[in-house]
């Protein structure tokens, strides 16, 4: 059964090029009316362009419906205006793909605090602002699909990307909480960690790998994760046509008491504490305390 988005309105941030452009084009091909949001800046967040308008023109030439938006995701008022404009024109918003991002890579020792703050503001606060701007509409409709864009740099770390990694791991945490808060209104929230050859990564990939990791090969995961039958709470890795699932897990651990309840006791029991046999994937943060409670009772 084909996955379609007829009668759905989708917002894609950072959709003027790269992954965002591919998401917007494919959503439109499959019937969605698309808000193409892009400030049009360079990858470090400076400058502006009419990139969003060009993508809208592509969609319209193919027979789809789209509108351009040049709002800054780091400005909540501009995200609220973007959503209001979509609702006014098309009657609702059903899908939000938080894709906008910037890079200001340096080692932590050499990174200016302003560059740390700016990257976190665009990725983490920008995604939170865009989602907040949509949230009440999603609740009123009893329907919403949100995709956060994380990264392997956030999930696993990457040299020279302390700011980017912090923001991207924060997005995974934001998504986990929104999964719980949105469930009763059929708001499903997922996280994608894409690996693609784009303007953001062009100097990170060897030339021969750049083509293999083309953005279109990430699109299937993104569109499934915002579809009607999407899961909620998934963290999915995607690149070059390979799709993976990532989890935050918790080991059973070890109860320490008496003389063992000490730094030396933690050191002496480190192998048992970190033993992954029997680890779980908690559904909420409260499960950590519940697991401890069961251990104390047992």
C-alpha atoms as a PDB file:
ATOM      1  CA  UNK A   1       0.000   0.000   0.000  1.00  0.00           C
ATOM      2  CA  UNK A   2       1.649   3.286  -1.061  1.00  0.00           C
ATOM      3  CA  UNK A   3       2.307   5.824   1.688  1.00  0.00           C
ATOM      4  CA  UNK A   4       0.445   8.983   0.732  1.00  0.00           C
ATOM      5  CA  UNK A   5       0.007  12.430   2.261  1.00  0.00           C
ATOM      6  CA  UNK A   6      -3.121  13.630   0.490  1.00  0.00           C
ATOM      7  CA  UNK A   7      -4.984  16.328   2.430  1.00  0.00           C
ATOM      8  CA  UNK A   8      -1.988  16.748   4.734  1.00  0.00           C
ATOM      9  CA  UNK A   9      -0.042  19.957   5.251  1.00  0.00           C
ATOM     10  CA  UNK A  10       3.664  19.534   5.938  1.00  0.00           C
ATOM     11  CA  UNK A  11       6.255  22.039   7.119  1.00  0.00           C
ATOM     12  CA  UNK A  12       9.898  21.295   6.362  1.00  0.00           C
ATOM     13  CA  UNK A  13      12.464  23.637   7.907  1.00  0.00           C
ATOM     14  CA  UNK A  14      15.786  24.155   6.183  1.00  0.00           C
ATOM     15  CA  UNK A  15      14.190  22.931   2.962  1.00  0.00           C
ATOM     16  CA  UNK A  16      16.044  25.168   0.507  1.00  0.00           C
ATOM     17  CA  UNK A  17      18.615  22.486  -0.287  1.00  0.00           C
ATOM     18  CA  UNK A  18      20.091  19.143   0.716  1.00  0.00           C
ATOM     19  CA  UNK A  19      17.976  16.809   2.817  1.00  0.00           C
ATOM     20  CA  UNK A  20      15.209  19.341   3.450  1.00  0.00           C
ATOM     21  CA  UNK A  21      14.701  19.921  -0.260  1.00  0.00           C
ATOM     22  CA  UNK A  22      14.469  16.189  -0.894  1.00  0.00           C
ATOM     23  CA  UNK A  23      11.925  15.764   1.915  1.00  0.00           C
ATOM     24  CA  UNK A  24       9.798  18.626   0.601  1.00  0.00           C
ATOM     25  CA  UNK A  25       9.837  17.375  -2.989  1.00  0.00           C
ATOM     26  CA  UNK A  26       8.883  13.826  -2.049  1.00  0.00           C
ATOM     27  CA  UNK A  27       6.162  14.907   0.374  1.00  0.00           C
ATOM     28  CA  UNK A  28       4.673  16.987  -2.435  1.00  0.00           C
ATOM     29  CA  UNK A  29       4.935  14.112  -4.938  1.00  0.00           C
ATOM     30  CA  UNK A  30       2.941  12.015  -2.497  1.00  0.00           C
ATOM     31  CA  UNK A  31       0.156  14.552  -2.149  1.00  0.00           C
ATOM     32  CA  UNK A  32       1.149  16.859   0.703  1.00  0.00           C
ATOM     33  CA  UNK A  33       0.876  20.634   0.554  1.00  0.00           C
ATOM     34  CA  UNK A  34       4.263  21.819   1.720  1.00  0.00           C
ATOM     35  CA  UNK A  35       5.571  24.866   3.534  1.00  0.00           C
ATOM     36  CA  UNK A  36       9.163  25.193   2.368  1.00  0.00           C
ATOM     37  CA  UNK A  37      10.969  27.028   5.142  1.00  0.00           C
ATOM     38  CA  UNK A  38      14.516  28.281   4.694  1.00  0.00           C
ATOM     39  CA  UNK A  39      16.272  31.372   5.943  1.00  0.00           C
ATOM     40  CA  UNK A  40      18.637  30.886   3.014  1.00  0.00           C
ATOM     41  CA  UNK A  41      21.870  31.366   4.927  1.00  0.00           C
ATOM     42  CA  UNK A  42      25.215  29.659   4.470  1.00  0.00           C
ATOM     43  CA  UNK A  43      26.021  26.601   6.518  1.00  0.00           C
ATOM     44  CA  UNK A  44      27.371  28.740   9.378  1.00  0.00           C
ATOM     45  CA  UNK A  45      24.042  30.576   9.541  1.00  0.00           C
ATOM     46  CA  UNK A  46      25.089  33.853   7.929  1.00  0.00           C
ATOM     47  CA  UNK A  47      23.488  35.558   4.927  1.00  0.00           C
ATOM     48  CA  UNK A  48      20.181  34.944   3.174  1.00  0.00           C
ATOM     49  CA  UNK A  49      18.937  33.730  -0.221  1.00  0.00           C
ATOM     50  CA  UNK A  50      15.759  32.788  -2.087  1.00  0.00           C
ATOM     51  CA  UNK A  51      16.458  29.048  -1.825  1.00  0.00           C
ATOM     52  CA  UNK A  52      12.944  28.304  -0.508  1.00  0.00           C
ATOM     53  CA  UNK A  53      11.306  30.006  -3.489  1.00  0.00           C
ATOM     54  CA  UNK A  54      13.268  27.858  -5.906  1.00  0.00           C
ATOM     55  CA  UNK A  55      12.064  24.663  -4.229  1.00  0.00           C
ATOM     56  CA  UNK A  56       8.467  25.932  -4.280  1.00  0.00           C
ATOM     57  CA  UNK A  57       8.827  26.544  -8.012  1.00  0.00           C
ATOM     58  CA  UNK A  58      10.074  22.966  -8.479  1.00  0.00           C
ATOM     59  CA  UNK A  59       7.070  21.609  -6.608  1.00  0.00           C
ATOM     60  CA  UNK A  60       4.614  23.755  -8.533  1.00  0.00           C
ATOM     61  CA  UNK A  61       6.125  22.818 -11.895  1.00  0.00           C
ATOM     62  CA  UNK A  62       5.507  19.187 -10.964  1.00  0.00           C
ATOM     63  CA  UNK A  63       1.856  19.957 -10.203  1.00  0.00           C
ATOM     64  CA  UNK A  64       2.111  20.190  -6.419  1.00  0.00           C
ATOM     65  CA  UNK A  65       1.154  22.895  -3.932  1.00  0.00           C
ATOM     66  CA  UNK A  66       3.694  24.730  -1.818  1.00  0.00           C
ATOM     67  CA  UNK A  67       4.454  28.043  -0.188  1.00  0.00           C
ATOM     68  CA  UNK A  68       7.789  29.570   0.753  1.00  0.00           C
ATOM     69  CA  UNK A  69       8.653  30.816   4.205  1.00  0.00           C
ATOM     70  CA  UNK A  70      11.834  32.647   5.147  1.00  0.00           C
ATOM     71  CA  UNK A  71      11.326  32.540   8.904  1.00  0.00           C
ATOM     72  CA  UNK A  72      14.213  32.016  11.298  1.00  0.00           C
ATOM     73  CA  UNK A  73      13.692  28.851  13.379  1.00  0.00           C
ATOM     74  CA  UNK A  74      15.601  30.518  16.221  1.00  0.00           C
ATOM     75  CA  UNK A  75      12.807  33.126  16.492  1.00  0.00           C
ATOM     76  CA  UNK A  76       9.635  31.740  18.045  1.00  0.00           C
ATOM     77  CA  UNK A  77       7.504  34.634  16.761  1.00  0.00           C
ATOM     78  CA  UNK A  78       8.557  33.843  13.202  1.00  0.00           C
ATOM     79  CA  UNK A  79       7.726  30.150  13.648  1.00  0.00           C
ATOM     80  CA  UNK A  80       4.310  31.070  15.061  1.00  0.00           C
ATOM     81  CA  UNK A  81       3.692  33.317  12.039  1.00  0.00           C
ATOM     82  CA  UNK A  82       4.738  30.502   9.689  1.00  0.00           C
ATOM     83  CA  UNK A  83       2.269  28.070  11.222  1.00  0.00           C
ATOM     84  CA  UNK A  84      -0.501  30.681  11.265  1.00  0.00           C
ATOM     85  CA  UNK A  85       0.076  31.337   7.566  1.00  0.00           C
ATOM     86  CA  UNK A  86      -0.176  27.637   6.719  1.00  0.00           C
ATOM     87  CA  UNK A  87      -3.358  27.243   8.769  1.00  0.00           C
ATOM     88  CA  UNK A  88      -4.882  30.302   7.153  1.00  0.00           C
ATOM     89  CA  UNK A  89      -4.133  29.072   3.640  1.00  0.00           C
ATOM     90  CA  UNK A  90      -4.743  25.340   4.008  1.00  0.00           C
ATOM     91  CA  UNK A  91      -6.733  24.895   7.206  1.00  0.00           C
ATOM     92  CA  UNK A  92      -4.204  23.040   9.333  1.00  0.00           C
ATOM     93  CA  UNK A  93      -0.730  21.622   9.777  1.00  0.00           C
ATOM     94  CA  UNK A  94      -0.232  17.886  10.168  1.00  0.00           C
ATOM     95  CA  UNK A  95       3.485  17.223   9.711  1.00  0.00           C
ATOM     96  CA  UNK A  96       6.596  19.027  10.893  1.00  0.00           C
ATOM     97  CA  UNK A  97      10.069  18.023   9.775  1.00  0.00           C
ATOM     98  CA  UNK A  98      12.663  19.848  11.879  1.00  0.00           C
ATOM     99  CA  UNK A  99      15.604  19.848   9.509  1.00  0.00           C
ATOM    100  CA  UNK A 100      17.142  23.343   9.680  1.00  0.00           C
ATOM    101  CA  UNK A 101      20.693  23.443  10.960  1.00  0.00           C
ATOM    102  CA  UNK A 102      24.082  25.126  10.922  1.00  0.00           C
ATOM    103  CA  UNK A 103      27.673  24.120  11.600  1.00  0.00           C
ATOM    104  CA  UNK A 104      30.406  26.039  13.417  1.00  0.00           C
ATOM    105  CA  UNK A 105      32.941  23.294  14.033  1.00  0.00           C
ATOM    106  CA  UNK A 106      36.011  23.778  16.228  1.00  0.00           C
ATOM    107  CA  UNK A 107      37.586  21.907  19.085  1.00  0.00           C
ATOM    108  CA  UNK A 108      36.041  22.815  22.411  1.00  0.00           C
ATOM    109  CA  UNK A 109      39.319  24.455  23.469  1.00  0.00           C
ATOM    110  CA  UNK A 110      39.137  26.884  20.543  1.00  0.00           C
ATOM    111  CA  UNK A 111      35.345  27.335  20.335  1.00  0.00           C
ATOM    112  CA  UNK A 112      33.923  30.719  21.234  1.00  0.00           C
ATOM    113  CA  UNK A 113      30.952  30.577  23.638  1.00  0.00           C
ATOM    114  CA  UNK A 114      28.911  32.538  21.081  1.00  0.00           C
ATOM    115  CA  UNK A 115      29.442  29.789  18.494  1.00  0.00           C
ATOM    116  CA  UNK A 116      28.384  27.148  21.012  1.00  0.00           C
ATOM    117  CA  UNK A 117      25.239  29.079  21.873  1.00  0.00           C
ATOM    118  CA  UNK A 118      24.350  29.826  18.252  1.00  0.00           C
ATOM    119  CA  UNK A 119      24.485  26.202  17.106  1.00  0.00           C
ATOM    120  CA  UNK A 120      22.434  25.037  20.096  1.00  0.00           C
ATOM    121  CA  UNK A 121      19.946  27.847  19.460  1.00  0.00           C
ATOM    122  CA  UNK A 122      19.373  26.912  15.824  1.00  0.00           C
ATOM    123  CA  UNK A 123      19.228  23.132  16.206  1.00  0.00           C
ATOM    124  CA  UNK A 124      17.718  22.575  19.633  1.00  0.00           C
ATOM    125  CA  UNK A 125      15.758  25.739  20.376  1.00  0.00           C
ATOM    126  CA  UNK A 126      14.816  26.111  16.696  1.00  0.00           C
ATOM    127  CA  UNK A 127      13.274  22.647  16.649  1.00  0.00           C
ATOM    128  CA  UNK A 128      11.545  23.287  19.976  1.00  0.00           C
ATOM    129  CA  UNK A 129      10.159  26.616  18.726  1.00  0.00           C
ATOM    130  CA  UNK A 130       8.856  25.191  15.454  1.00  0.00           C
ATOM    131  CA  UNK A 131       7.286  22.252  17.292  1.00  0.00           C
ATOM    132  CA  UNK A 132       5.736  24.507  19.946  1.00  0.00           C
ATOM    133  CA  UNK A 133       4.265  26.682  17.189  1.00  0.00           C
ATOM    134  CA  UNK A 134       2.528  23.595  15.748  1.00  0.00           C
ATOM    135  CA  UNK A 135       1.636  21.890  19.016  1.00  0.00           C
ATOM    136  CA  UNK A 136      -1.755  23.427  19.763  1.00  0.00           C
ATOM    137  CA  UNK A 137      -2.897  22.833  16.183  1.00  0.00           C
ATOM    138  CA  UNK A 138      -1.818  19.195  16.498  1.00  0.00           C
ATOM    139  CA  UNK A 139      -3.707  18.856  19.792  1.00  0.00           C
ATOM    140  CA  UNK A 140      -6.865  20.455  18.386  1.00  0.00           C
ATOM    141  CA  UNK A 141      -6.778  18.167  15.342  1.00  0.00           C
ATOM    142  CA  UNK A 142      -5.896  15.100  17.437  1.00  0.00           C
ATOM    143  CA  UNK A 143      -3.213  14.442  14.841  1.00  0.00           C
ATOM    144  CA  UNK A 144       0.389  15.434  14.393  1.00  0.00           C
ATOM    145  CA  UNK A 145       3.637  13.969  13.140  1.00  0.00           C
ATOM    146  CA  UNK A 146       6.985  15.471  14.190  1.00  0.00           C
ATOM    147  CA  UNK A 147      10.444  14.491  13.009  1.00  0.00           C
ATOM    148  CA  UNK A 148      13.508  15.676  14.908  1.00  0.00           C
ATOM    149  CA  UNK A 149      16.871  15.595  13.190  1.00  0.00           C
ATOM    150  CA  UNK A 150      19.582  14.280  15.469  1.00  0.00           C
ATOM    151  CA  UNK A 151      23.003  13.030  14.409  1.00  0.00           C
ATOM    152  CA  UNK A 152      25.544  10.337  15.133  1.00  0.00           C
ATOM    153  CA  UNK A 153      27.630  13.247  16.462  1.00  0.00           C
ATOM    154  CA  UNK A 154      25.024  13.772  19.172  1.00  0.00           C
ATOM    155  CA  UNK A 155      24.280  10.136  19.871  1.00  0.00           C
ATOM    156  CA  UNK A 156      27.888   8.958  19.884  1.00  0.00           C
ATOM    157  CA  UNK A 157      30.140  12.039  19.798  1.00  0.00           C
ATOM    158  CA  UNK A 158      32.407  13.512  17.127  1.00  0.00           C
ATOM    159  CA  UNK A 159      35.690  15.385  17.434  1.00  0.00           C
ATOM    160  CA  UNK A 160      35.309  19.132  16.914  1.00  0.00           C
ATOM    161  CA  UNK A 161      31.525  19.186  17.255  1.00  0.00           C
ATOM    162  CA  UNK A 162      30.810  19.839  20.930  1.00  0.00           C
ATOM    163  CA  UNK A 163      28.169  22.458  20.119  1.00  0.00           C
ATOM    164  CA  UNK A 164      26.508  20.405  17.396  1.00  0.00           C
ATOM    165  CA  UNK A 165      26.662  17.177  19.411  1.00  0.00           C
ATOM    166  CA  UNK A 166      25.131  18.808  22.487  1.00  0.00           C
ATOM    167  CA  UNK A 167      22.242  20.164  20.432  1.00  0.00           C
ATOM    168  CA  UNK A 168      21.642  16.895  18.610  1.00  0.00           C
ATOM    169  CA  UNK A 169      21.576  14.793  21.771  1.00  0.00           C
ATOM    170  CA  UNK A 170      19.237  17.362  23.283  1.00  0.00           C
ATOM    171  CA  UNK A 171      16.842  16.817  20.395  1.00  0.00           C
ATOM    172  CA  UNK A 172      16.667  13.100  21.131  1.00  0.00           C
ATOM    173  CA  UNK A 173      15.720  13.916  24.725  1.00  0.00           C
ATOM    174  CA  UNK A 174      13.148  16.485  23.647  1.00  0.00           C
ATOM    175  CA  UNK A 175      11.564  13.939  21.331  1.00  0.00           C
ATOM    176  CA  UNK A 176      11.324  11.289  24.066  1.00  0.00           C
ATOM    177  CA  UNK A 177       9.325  13.626  26.302  1.00  0.00           C
ATOM    178  CA  UNK A 178       7.063  14.866  23.491  1.00  0.00           C
ATOM    179  CA  UNK A 179       6.251  11.242  22.651  1.00  0.00           C
ATOM    180  CA  UNK A 180       4.706  10.904  26.121  1.00  0.00           C
ATOM    181  CA  UNK A 181       2.949  14.268  26.142  1.00  0.00           C
ATOM    182  CA  UNK A 182       1.540  13.915  22.637  1.00  0.00           C
ATOM    183  CA  UNK A 183       0.303  10.333  22.788  1.00  0.00           C
ATOM    184  CA  UNK A 184      -3.286  11.039  23.853  1.00  0.00           C
ATOM    185  CA  UNK A 185      -3.748  13.367  20.864  1.00  0.00           C
ATOM    186  CA  UNK A 186      -2.143  11.003  18.318  1.00  0.00           C
ATOM    187  CA  UNK A 187       0.929  13.206  18.051  1.00  0.00           C
ATOM    188  CA  UNK A 188       3.804  10.920  17.119  1.00  0.00           C
ATOM    189  CA  UNK A 189       7.379  12.112  17.460  1.00  0.00           C
ATOM    190  CA  UNK A 190      10.428  10.383  16.033  1.00  0.00           C
ATOM    191  CA  UNK A 191      14.118  11.157  15.644  1.00  0.00           C
ATOM    192  CA  UNK A 192      16.238  10.680  12.537  1.00  0.00           C
ATOM    193  CA  UNK A 193      20.033  10.626  12.511  1.00  0.00           C
ATOM    194  CA  UNK A 194      20.887  11.014   8.811  1.00  0.00           C
ATOM    195  CA  UNK A 195      24.245  10.563   7.124  1.00  0.00           C
ATOM    196  CA  UNK A 196      24.197  12.324   3.772  1.00  0.00           C
ATOM    197  CA  UNK A 197      26.410  14.162   1.355  1.00  0.00           C
ATOM    198  CA  UNK A 198      25.112  17.738   1.478  1.00  0.00           C
ATOM    199  CA  UNK A 199      26.423  21.286   1.692  1.00  0.00           C
ATOM    200  CA  UNK A 200      26.759  20.720   5.454  1.00  0.00           C
ATOM    201  CA  UNK A 201      29.028  17.684   5.010  1.00  0.00           C
ATOM    202  CA  UNK A 202      30.731  18.163   1.652  1.00  0.00           C
ATOM    203  CA  UNK A 203      34.200  18.611   3.153  1.00  0.00           C
ATOM    204  CA  UNK A 204      33.748  15.656   5.527  1.00  0.00           C
ATOM    205  CA  UNK A 205      33.165  12.961   2.890  1.00  0.00           C
ATOM    206  CA  UNK A 206      35.751  11.488   0.512  1.00  0.00           C
ATOM    207  CA  UNK A 207      34.781  12.341  -3.076  1.00  0.00           C
ATOM    208  CA  UNK A 208      33.799   8.776  -3.964  1.00  0.00           C
ATOM    209  CA  UNK A 209      31.570   8.447  -0.883  1.00  0.00           C
ATOM    210  CA  UNK A 210      29.737  11.744  -1.418  1.00  0.00           C
ATOM    211  CA  UNK A 211      27.572  10.315  -4.234  1.00  0.00           C
ATOM    212  CA  UNK A 212      26.894   7.055  -2.397  1.00  0.00           C
ATOM    213  CA  UNK A 213      25.476   9.072   0.508  1.00  0.00           C
ATOM    214  CA  UNK A 214      23.148  11.192  -1.618  1.00  0.00           C
ATOM    215  CA  UNK A 215      20.287  12.841   0.328  1.00  0.00           C
ATOM    216  CA  UNK A 216      17.536  10.986  -1.565  1.00  0.00           C
ATOM    217  CA  UNK A 217      18.641   7.748   0.104  1.00  0.00           C
ATOM    218  CA  UNK A 218      17.610   9.110   3.509  1.00  0.00           C
ATOM    219  CA  UNK A 219      14.140  10.205   2.377  1.00  0.00           C
ATOM    220  CA  UNK A 220      12.370   6.814   2.792  1.00  0.00           C
ATOM    221  CA  UNK A 221      13.024   6.800   6.533  1.00  0.00           C
ATOM    222  CA  UNK A 222      11.975  10.410   7.001  1.00  0.00           C
ATOM    223  CA  UNK A 223       8.682   9.965   5.175  1.00  0.00           C
ATOM    224  CA  UNK A 224       7.822   6.739   6.953  1.00  0.00           C
ATOM    225  CA  UNK A 225       8.463   8.406  10.312  1.00  0.00           C
ATOM    226  CA  UNK A 226       5.921  11.160   9.543  1.00  0.00           C
ATOM    227  CA  UNK A 227       3.330   8.913   7.907  1.00  0.00           C
ATOM    228  CA  UNK A 228      -0.076   8.043   9.319  1.00  0.00           C
ATOM    229  CA  UNK A 229       1.092   4.624  10.540  1.00  0.00           C
ATOM    230  CA  UNK A 230       4.429   5.857  11.874  1.00  0.00           C
ATOM    231  CA  UNK A 231       5.787   4.550  15.160  1.00  0.00           C
ATOM    232  CA  UNK A 232       6.486   7.004  17.968  1.00  0.00           C
ATOM    233  CA  UNK A 233       9.688   7.356  19.944  1.00  0.00           C
ATOM    234  CA  UNK A 234      11.994   5.731  17.406  1.00  0.00           C
ATOM    235  CA  UNK A 235      15.584   6.854  16.832  1.00  0.00           C
ATOM    236  CA  UNK A 236      16.535   5.860  13.308  1.00  0.00           C
ATOM    237  CA  UNK A 237      19.873   6.106  11.559  1.00  0.00           C
ATOM    238  CA  UNK A 238      19.841   6.421   7.767  1.00  0.00           C
ATOM    239  CA  UNK A 239      22.481   6.779   5.081  1.00  0.00           C
ATOM    240  CA  UNK A 240      23.299   5.388   1.641  1.00  0.00           C
ATOM    241  CA  UNK A 241      20.150   3.232   1.714  1.00  0.00           C
ATOM    242  CA  UNK A 242      21.022   1.618   5.063  1.00  0.00           C
ATOM    243  CA  UNK A 243      18.539   2.050   7.929  1.00  0.00           C
ATOM    244  CA  UNK A 244      19.314   1.393  11.584  1.00  0.00           C
ATOM    245  CA  UNK A 245      17.647   1.726  14.971  1.00  0.00           C
ATOM    246  CA  UNK A 246      19.384   3.299  17.950  1.00  0.00           C
ATOM    247  CA  UNK A 247      18.429   2.917  21.620  1.00  0.00           C
ATOM    248  CA  UNK A 248      19.215   4.469  24.980  1.00  0.00           C
ATOM    249  CA  UNK A 249      19.512   1.480  27.314  1.00  0.00           C
ATOM    250  CA  UNK A 250      19.827   0.822  31.028  1.00  0.00           C
ATOM    251  CA  UNK A 251      21.712  -2.072  32.628  1.00  0.00           C
ATOM    252  CA  UNK A 252      20.261  -3.927  35.626  1.00  0.00           C
ATOM    253  CA  UNK A 253      23.125  -2.566  37.726  1.00  0.00           C
ATOM    254  CA  UNK A 254      24.328  -3.614  41.159  1.00  0.00           C
ATOM    255  CA  UNK A 255      22.983  -2.713  44.616  1.00  0.00           C
ATOM    256  CA  UNK A 256      25.775  -1.607  46.938  1.00  0.00           C
ATOM    257  CA  UNK A 257      25.463  -1.398  50.730  1.00  0.00           C
ATOM    258  CA  UNK A 258      27.636  -1.233  53.821  1.00  0.00           C
ATOM    259  CA  UNK A 259      31.339  -0.814  53.123  1.00  0.00           C
ATOM    260  CA  UNK A 260      30.681  -1.313  49.394  1.00  0.00           C
ATOM    261  CA  UNK A 261      28.609   1.895  49.302  1.00  0.00           C
ATOM    262  CA  UNK A 262      31.700   3.928  48.535  1.00  0.00           C
ATOM    263  CA  UNK A 263      33.776   5.116  45.591  1.00  0.00           C
ATOM    264  CA  UNK A 264      35.921   2.027  46.116  1.00  0.00           C
ATOM    265  CA  UNK A 265      32.823  -0.133  46.008  1.00  0.00           C
ATOM    266  CA  UNK A 266      31.742   1.394  42.703  1.00  0.00           C
ATOM    267  CA  UNK A 267      35.238   0.774  41.337  1.00  0.00           C
ATOM    268  CA  UNK A 268      35.267  -2.809  42.569  1.00  0.00           C
ATOM    269  CA  UNK A 269      31.827  -3.540  41.085  1.00  0.00           C
ATOM    270  CA  UNK A 270      32.330  -1.615  37.836  1.00  0.00           C
ATOM    271  CA  UNK A 271      32.248  -4.733  35.654  1.00  0.00           C
ATOM    272  CA  UNK A 272      28.919  -5.819  37.169  1.00  0.00           C
ATOM    273  CA  UNK A 273      27.450  -2.300  37.000  1.00  0.00           C
ATOM    274  CA  UNK A 274      28.261  -2.005  33.299  1.00  0.00           C
ATOM    275  CA  UNK A 275      27.348  -5.593  32.348  1.00  0.00           C
ATOM    276  CA  UNK A 276      24.820  -5.253  29.518  1.00  0.00           C
ATOM    277  CA  UNK A 277      23.217  -8.652  30.038  1.00  0.00           C
ATOM    278  CA  UNK A 278      19.533  -8.048  30.745  1.00  0.00           C
ATOM    279  CA  UNK A 279      19.633  -4.357  29.833  1.00  0.00           C
ATOM    280  CA  UNK A 280      16.324  -2.653  29.050  1.00  0.00           C
ATOM    281  CA  UNK A 281      15.086   0.243  26.921  1.00  0.00           C
ATOM    282  CA  UNK A 282      13.051   2.363  29.366  1.00  0.00           C
ATOM    283  CA  UNK A 283       9.820   3.845  28.063  1.00  0.00           C
ATOM    284  CA  UNK A 284       9.998   6.770  30.509  1.00  0.00           C
ATOM    285  CA  UNK A 285      12.558   8.291  32.836  1.00  0.00           C
ATOM    286  CA  UNK A 286      10.614   6.949  35.814  1.00  0.00           C
ATOM    287  CA  UNK A 287      11.580   3.391  34.919  1.00  0.00           C
ATOM    288  CA  UNK A 288      15.087   3.943  36.268  1.00  0.00           C
ATOM    289  CA  UNK A 289      13.678   4.629  39.744  1.00  0.00           C
ATOM    290  CA  UNK A 290      11.235   1.723  39.386  1.00  0.00           C
ATOM    291  CA  UNK A 291      14.060  -0.660  38.541  1.00  0.00           C
ATOM    292  CA  UNK A 292      15.992   0.532  41.591  1.00  0.00           C
ATOM    293  CA  UNK A 293      12.888   0.050  43.741  1.00  0.00           C
ATOM    294  CA  UNK A 294      12.452  -3.543  42.555  1.00  0.00           C
ATOM    295  CA  UNK A 295      16.112  -4.260  43.283  1.00  0.00           C
ATOM    296  CA  UNK A 296      15.777  -2.897  46.828  1.00  0.00           C
ATOM    297  CA  UNK A 297      12.681  -5.028  47.453  1.00  0.00           C
ATOM    298  CA  UNK A 298      14.304  -8.152  46.044  1.00  0.00           C
END
